[in-house]
Amino acid sequence: MALSSGAQLLSADYPPAEPAKWTGFSITLPRGVIARCNPVTAPSGCTDSPLEPAPEK
């Protein structure tokens, strides 16, 4: 729900580099990017462009 709402910030205790020890759960944006165009307010020509490479898994 947060992703489709156009949320500007997602926060979790389990980033990809530090998944939950007991379940392996982690949270990321789609395609592993650290930033993306806002799906609610971005202009039609907006393209996602990571600010830095996604962490290695």
PDB file of N, CA and C in Angstrom:
ATOM      1  N   MET A   1       0.820  -1.177   0.000  1.00  0.00           N
ATOM      2  CA  MET A   1       0.000   0.000   0.000  1.00  0.00           C
ATOM      3  C   MET A   1       0.879   1.261   0.000  1.00  0.00           C
ATOM      4  N   ALA A   2       1.959   1.232   0.742  1.00  0.00           N
ATOM      5  CA  ALA A   2       2.817   2.419   0.797  1.00  0.00           C
ATOM      6  C   ALA A   2       3.381   2.747  -0.579  1.00  0.00           C
ATOM      7  N   LEU A   3       3.806   1.730  -1.326  1.00  0.00           N
ATOM      8  CA  LEU A   3       4.382   1.987  -2.638  1.00  0.00           C
ATOM      9  C   LEU A   3       3.373   2.586  -3.608  1.00  0.00           C
ATOM     10  N   SER A   4       2.165   2.087  -3.638  1.00  0.00           N
ATOM     11  CA  SER A   4       1.171   2.597  -4.583  1.00  0.00           C
ATOM     12  C   SER A   4       0.599   3.943  -4.167  1.00  0.00           C
ATOM     13  N   SER A   5       0.766   4.326  -2.904  1.00  0.00           N
ATOM     14  CA  SER A   5       0.228   5.604  -2.439  1.00  0.00           C
ATOM     15  C   SER A   5       1.108   6.785  -2.823  1.00  0.00           C
ATOM     16  N   GLY A   6       2.327   6.497  -3.268  1.00  0.00           N
ATOM     17  CA  GLY A   6       3.259   7.571  -3.581  1.00  0.00           C
ATOM     18  C   GLY A   6       4.077   7.984  -2.381  1.00  0.00           C
ATOM     19  N   ALA A   7       4.193   7.119  -1.399  1.00  0.00           N
ATOM     20  CA  ALA A   7       4.976   7.427  -0.196  1.00  0.00           C
ATOM     21  C   ALA A   7       6.363   7.922  -0.576  1.00  0.00           C
ATOM     22  N   GLN A   8       6.842   8.921   0.109  1.00  0.00           N
ATOM     23  CA  GLN A   8       8.150   9.501  -0.160  1.00  0.00           C
ATOM     24  C   GLN A   8       9.266   8.825   0.616  1.00  0.00           C
ATOM     25  N   LEU A   9       8.916   8.057   1.628  1.00  0.00           N
ATOM     26  CA  LEU A   9       9.924   7.418   2.454  1.00  0.00           C
ATOM     27  C   LEU A   9       9.378   6.099   2.971  1.00  0.00           C
ATOM     28  N   LEU A  10      10.191   5.057   2.878  1.00  0.00           N
ATOM     29  CA  LEU A  10       9.871   3.765   3.484  1.00  0.00           C
ATOM     30  C   LEU A  10      10.980   3.473   4.479  1.00  0.00           C
ATOM     31  N   SER A  11      10.623   3.001   5.627  1.00  0.00           N
ATOM     32  CA  SER A  11      11.612   2.683   6.645  1.00  0.00           C
ATOM     33  C   SER A  11      11.292   1.323   7.234  1.00  0.00           C
ATOM     34  N   ALA A  12      12.321   0.560   7.476  1.00  0.00           N
ATOM     35  CA  ALA A  12      12.127  -0.761   8.072  1.00  0.00           C
ATOM     36  C   ALA A  12      13.365  -1.130   8.874  1.00  0.00           C
ATOM     37  N   ASP A  13      13.216  -2.053   9.754  1.00  0.00           N
ATOM     38  CA  ASP A  13      14.346  -2.556  10.527  1.00  0.00           C
ATOM     39  C   ASP A  13      15.176  -3.553   9.731  1.00  0.00           C
ATOM     40  N   TYR A  14      14.703  -3.931   8.532  1.00  0.00           N
ATOM     41  CA  TYR A  14      15.356  -4.994   7.782  1.00  0.00           C
ATOM     42  C   TYR A  14      15.653  -4.592   6.342  1.00  0.00           C
ATOM     43  N   PRO A  15      16.734  -3.797   6.135  1.00  0.00           N
ATOM     44  CA  PRO A  15      17.147  -3.487   4.766  1.00  0.00           C
ATOM     45  C   PRO A  15      17.753  -4.736   4.121  1.00  0.00           C
ATOM     46  N   PRO A  16      17.942  -4.756   2.806  1.00  0.00           N
ATOM     47  CA  PRO A  16      18.461  -5.953   2.135  1.00  0.00           C
ATOM     48  C   PRO A  16      19.800  -6.439   2.679  1.00  0.00           C
ATOM     49  N   ALA A  17      20.645  -5.526   3.124  1.00  0.00           N
ATOM     50  CA  ALA A  17      21.955  -5.934   3.635  1.00  0.00           C
ATOM     51  C   ALA A  17      21.879  -6.553   5.026  1.00  0.00           C
ATOM     52  N   GLU A  18      20.738  -6.383   5.712  1.00  0.00           N
ATOM     53  CA  GLU A  18      20.579  -6.923   7.064  1.00  0.00           C
ATOM     54  C   GLU A  18      19.187  -7.548   7.229  1.00  0.00           C
ATOM     55  N   PRO A  19      18.906  -8.635   6.509  1.00  0.00           N
ATOM     56  CA  PRO A  19      17.580  -9.256   6.627  1.00  0.00           C
ATOM     57  C   PRO A  19      17.335  -9.835   8.018  1.00  0.00           C
ATOM     58  N   ALA A  20      16.072 -10.052   8.341  1.00  0.00           N
ATOM     59  CA  ALA A  20      15.713 -10.641   9.627  1.00  0.00           C
ATOM     60  C   ALA A  20      16.383 -12.004   9.771  1.00  0.00           C
ATOM     61  N   LYS A  21      17.017 -12.241  10.911  1.00  0.00           N
ATOM     62  CA  LYS A  21      17.760 -13.484  11.133  1.00  0.00           C
ATOM     63  C   LYS A  21      16.874 -14.719  11.073  1.00  0.00           C
ATOM     64  N   TRP A  22      15.670 -14.634  11.573  1.00  0.00           N
ATOM     65  CA  TRP A  22      14.826 -15.825  11.685  1.00  0.00           C
ATOM     66  C   TRP A  22      13.956 -16.086  10.467  1.00  0.00           C
ATOM     67  N   THR A  23      13.722 -15.081   9.603  1.00  0.00           N
ATOM     68  CA  THR A  23      12.872 -15.306   8.425  1.00  0.00           C
ATOM     69  C   THR A  23      13.531 -14.920   7.113  1.00  0.00           C
ATOM     70  N   GLY A  24      14.582 -14.120   7.150  1.00  0.00           N
ATOM     71  CA  GLY A  24      15.204 -13.629   5.934  1.00  0.00           C
ATOM     72  C   GLY A  24      14.470 -12.434   5.325  1.00  0.00           C
ATOM     73  N   PHE A  25      13.427 -11.949   6.015  1.00  0.00           N
ATOM     74  CA  PHE A  25      12.631 -10.829   5.511  1.00  0.00           C
ATOM     75  C   PHE A  25      13.474  -9.567   5.385  1.00  0.00           C
ATOM     76  N   SER A  26      13.306  -8.859   4.279  1.00  0.00           N
ATOM     77  CA  SER A  26      13.898  -7.533   4.097  1.00  0.00           C
ATOM     78  C   SER A  26      12.952  -6.723   3.218  1.00  0.00           C
ATOM     79  N   ILE A  27      13.186  -5.437   3.121  1.00  0.00           N
ATOM     80  CA  ILE A  27      12.312  -4.585   2.331  1.00  0.00           C
ATOM     81  C   ILE A  27      13.146  -3.743   1.370  1.00  0.00           C
ATOM     82  N   THR A  28      12.680  -3.646   0.138  1.00  0.00           N
ATOM     83  CA  THR A  28      13.347  -2.832  -0.883  1.00  0.00           C
ATOM     84  C   THR A  28      12.296  -2.239  -1.808  1.00  0.00           C
ATOM     85  N   LEU A  29      12.710  -1.257  -2.568  1.00  0.00           N
ATOM     86  CA  LEU A  29      11.874  -0.756  -3.652  1.00  0.00           C
ATOM     87  C   LEU A  29      11.959  -1.748  -4.806  1.00  0.00           C
ATOM     88  N   PRO A  30      10.983  -1.736  -5.712  1.00  0.00           N
ATOM     89  CA  PRO A  30      11.051  -2.643  -6.863  1.00  0.00           C
ATOM     90  C   PRO A  30      12.365  -2.487  -7.636  1.00  0.00           C
ATOM     91  N   ARG A  31      12.884  -3.569  -8.155  1.00  0.00           N
ATOM     92  CA  ARG A  31      14.122  -3.650  -8.916  1.00  0.00           C
ATOM     93  C   ARG A  31      15.354  -3.278  -8.094  1.00  0.00           C
ATOM     94  N   GLY A  32      15.216  -3.176  -6.769  1.00  0.00           N
ATOM     95  CA  GLY A  32      16.351  -2.927  -5.902  1.00  0.00           C
ATOM     96  C   GLY A  32      16.890  -1.508  -5.925  1.00  0.00           C
ATOM     97  N   VAL A  33      16.167  -0.567  -6.551  1.00  0.00           N
ATOM     98  CA  VAL A  33      16.649   0.817  -6.596  1.00  0.00           C
ATOM     99  C   VAL A  33      16.484   1.476  -5.239  1.00  0.00           C
ATOM    100  N   ILE A  34      17.254   2.547  -4.987  1.00  0.00           N
ATOM    101  CA  ILE A  34      17.116   3.252  -3.723  1.00  0.00           C
ATOM    102  C   ILE A  34      16.237   4.487  -3.852  1.00  0.00           C
ATOM    103  N   ALA A  35      15.903   4.856  -5.092  1.00  0.00           N
ATOM    104  CA  ALA A  35      15.015   5.991  -5.343  1.00  0.00           C
ATOM    105  C   ALA A  35      14.195   5.677  -6.591  1.00  0.00           C
ATOM    106  N   ARG A  36      13.009   6.255  -6.691  1.00  0.00           N
ATOM    107  CA  ARG A  36      12.175   6.018  -7.869  1.00  0.00           C
ATOM    108  C   ARG A  36      11.276   7.220  -8.103  1.00  0.00           C
ATOM    109  N   CYS A  37      10.703   7.283  -9.291  1.00  0.00           N
ATOM    110  CA  CYS A  37       9.728   8.323  -9.594  1.00  0.00           C
ATOM    111  C   CYS A  37       8.476   8.067  -8.763  1.00  0.00           C
ATOM    112  N   ASN A  38       7.851   9.131  -8.294  1.00  0.00           N
ATOM    113  CA  ASN A  38       6.623   8.990  -7.516  1.00  0.00           C
ATOM    114  C   ASN A  38       5.505   8.529  -8.457  1.00  0.00           C
ATOM    115  N   PRO A  39       4.886   7.369  -8.199  1.00  0.00           N
ATOM    116  CA  PRO A  39       3.864   6.846  -9.103  1.00  0.00           C
ATOM    117  C   PRO A  39       2.586   7.686  -9.124  1.00  0.00           C
ATOM    118  N   VAL A  40       2.407   8.552  -8.153  1.00  0.00           N
ATOM    119  CA  VAL A  40       1.196   9.375  -8.079  1.00  0.00           C
ATOM    120  C   VAL A  40       1.403  10.744  -8.728  1.00  0.00           C
ATOM    121  N   THR A  41       2.561  11.361  -8.498  1.00  0.00           N
ATOM    122  CA  THR A  41       2.747  12.746  -8.925  1.00  0.00           C
ATOM    123  C   THR A  41       3.813  12.970  -9.991  1.00  0.00           C
ATOM    124  N   ALA A  42       4.555  11.955 -10.389  1.00  0.00           N
ATOM    125  CA  ALA A  42       5.640  12.143 -11.345  1.00  0.00           C
ATOM    126  C   ALA A  42       5.109  12.495 -12.732  1.00  0.00           C
ATOM    127  N   PRO A  43       5.823  13.354 -13.467  1.00  0.00           N
ATOM    128  CA  PRO A  43       5.428  13.633 -14.845  1.00  0.00           C
ATOM    129  C   PRO A  43       5.578  12.378 -15.699  1.00  0.00           C
ATOM    130  N   SER A  44       4.890  12.309 -16.804  1.00  0.00           N
ATOM    131  CA  SER A  44       4.867  11.097 -17.629  1.00  0.00           C
ATOM    132  C   SER A  44       6.243  10.701 -18.151  1.00  0.00           C
ATOM    133  N   GLY A  45       7.175  11.626 -18.312  1.00  0.00           N
ATOM    134  CA  GLY A  45       8.499  11.299 -18.822  1.00  0.00           C
ATOM    135  C   GLY A  45       9.508  10.906 -17.766  1.00  0.00           C
ATOM    136  N   CYS A  46       9.093  10.805 -16.529  1.00  0.00           N
ATOM    137  CA  CYS A  46      10.015  10.473 -15.440  1.00  0.00           C
ATOM    138  C   CYS A  46      10.540   9.045 -15.606  1.00  0.00           C
ATOM    139  N   THR A  47      11.853   8.886 -15.450  1.00  0.00           N
ATOM    140  CA  THR A  47      12.446   7.547 -15.479  1.00  0.00           C
ATOM    141  C   THR A  47      13.200   7.320 -14.174  1.00  0.00           C
ATOM    142  N   ASP A  48      13.057   6.126 -13.651  1.00  0.00           N
ATOM    143  CA  ASP A  48      13.765   5.782 -12.421  1.00  0.00           C
ATOM    144  C   ASP A  48      15.257   5.740 -12.712  1.00  0.00           C
ATOM    145  N   SER A  49      16.029   6.300 -11.838  1.00  0.00           N
ATOM    146  CA  SER A  49      17.474   6.315 -11.998  1.00  0.00           C
ATOM    147  C   SER A  49      18.097   6.179 -10.618  1.00  0.00           C
ATOM    148  N   PRO A  50      18.713   5.038 -10.332  1.00  0.00           N
ATOM    149  CA  PRO A  50      19.292   4.858  -9.000  1.00  0.00           C
ATOM    150  C   PRO A  50      20.390   5.882  -8.722  1.00  0.00           C
ATOM    151  N   LEU A  51      20.464   6.333  -7.493  1.00  0.00           N
ATOM    152  CA  LEU A  51      21.499   7.265  -7.085  1.00  0.00           C
ATOM    153  C   LEU A  51      22.822   6.540  -6.851  1.00  0.00           C
ATOM    154  N   GLU A  52      22.743   5.279  -6.528  1.00  0.00           N
ATOM    155  CA  GLU A  52      23.933   4.439  -6.345  1.00  0.00           C
ATOM    156  C   GLU A  52      23.507   3.017  -6.641  1.00  0.00           C
ATOM    157  N   PRO A  53      24.461   2.137  -6.947  1.00  0.00           N
ATOM    158  CA  PRO A  53      24.087   0.754  -7.288  1.00  0.00           C
ATOM    159  C   PRO A  53      23.361   0.046  -6.144  1.00  0.00           C
ATOM    160  N   ALA A  54      22.482  -0.862  -6.508  1.00  0.00           N
ATOM    161  CA  ALA A  54      21.810  -1.693  -5.507  1.00  0.00           C
ATOM    162  C   ALA A  54      22.851  -2.565  -4.822  1.00  0.00           C
ATOM    163  N   PRO A  55      22.656  -2.873  -3.538  1.00  0.00           N
ATOM    164  CA  PRO A  55      23.627  -3.731  -2.838  1.00  0.00           C
ATOM    165  C   PRO A  55      23.669  -5.126  -3.440  1.00  0.00           C
ATOM    166  N   GLU A  56      24.846  -5.706  -3.414  1.00  0.00           N
ATOM    167  CA  GLU A  56      24.997  -7.090  -3.875  1.00  0.00           C
ATOM    168  C   GLU A  56      24.298  -8.029  -2.922  1.00  0.00           C
ATOM    169  N   LYS A  57      23.665  -9.059  -3.437  1.00  0.00           N
ATOM    170  CA  LYS A  57      22.979 -10.046  -2.589  1.00  0.00           C
ATOM    171  C   LYS A  57      23.834 -11.253  -2.403  1.00  0.00           C
TER     172      LYS A  57
END
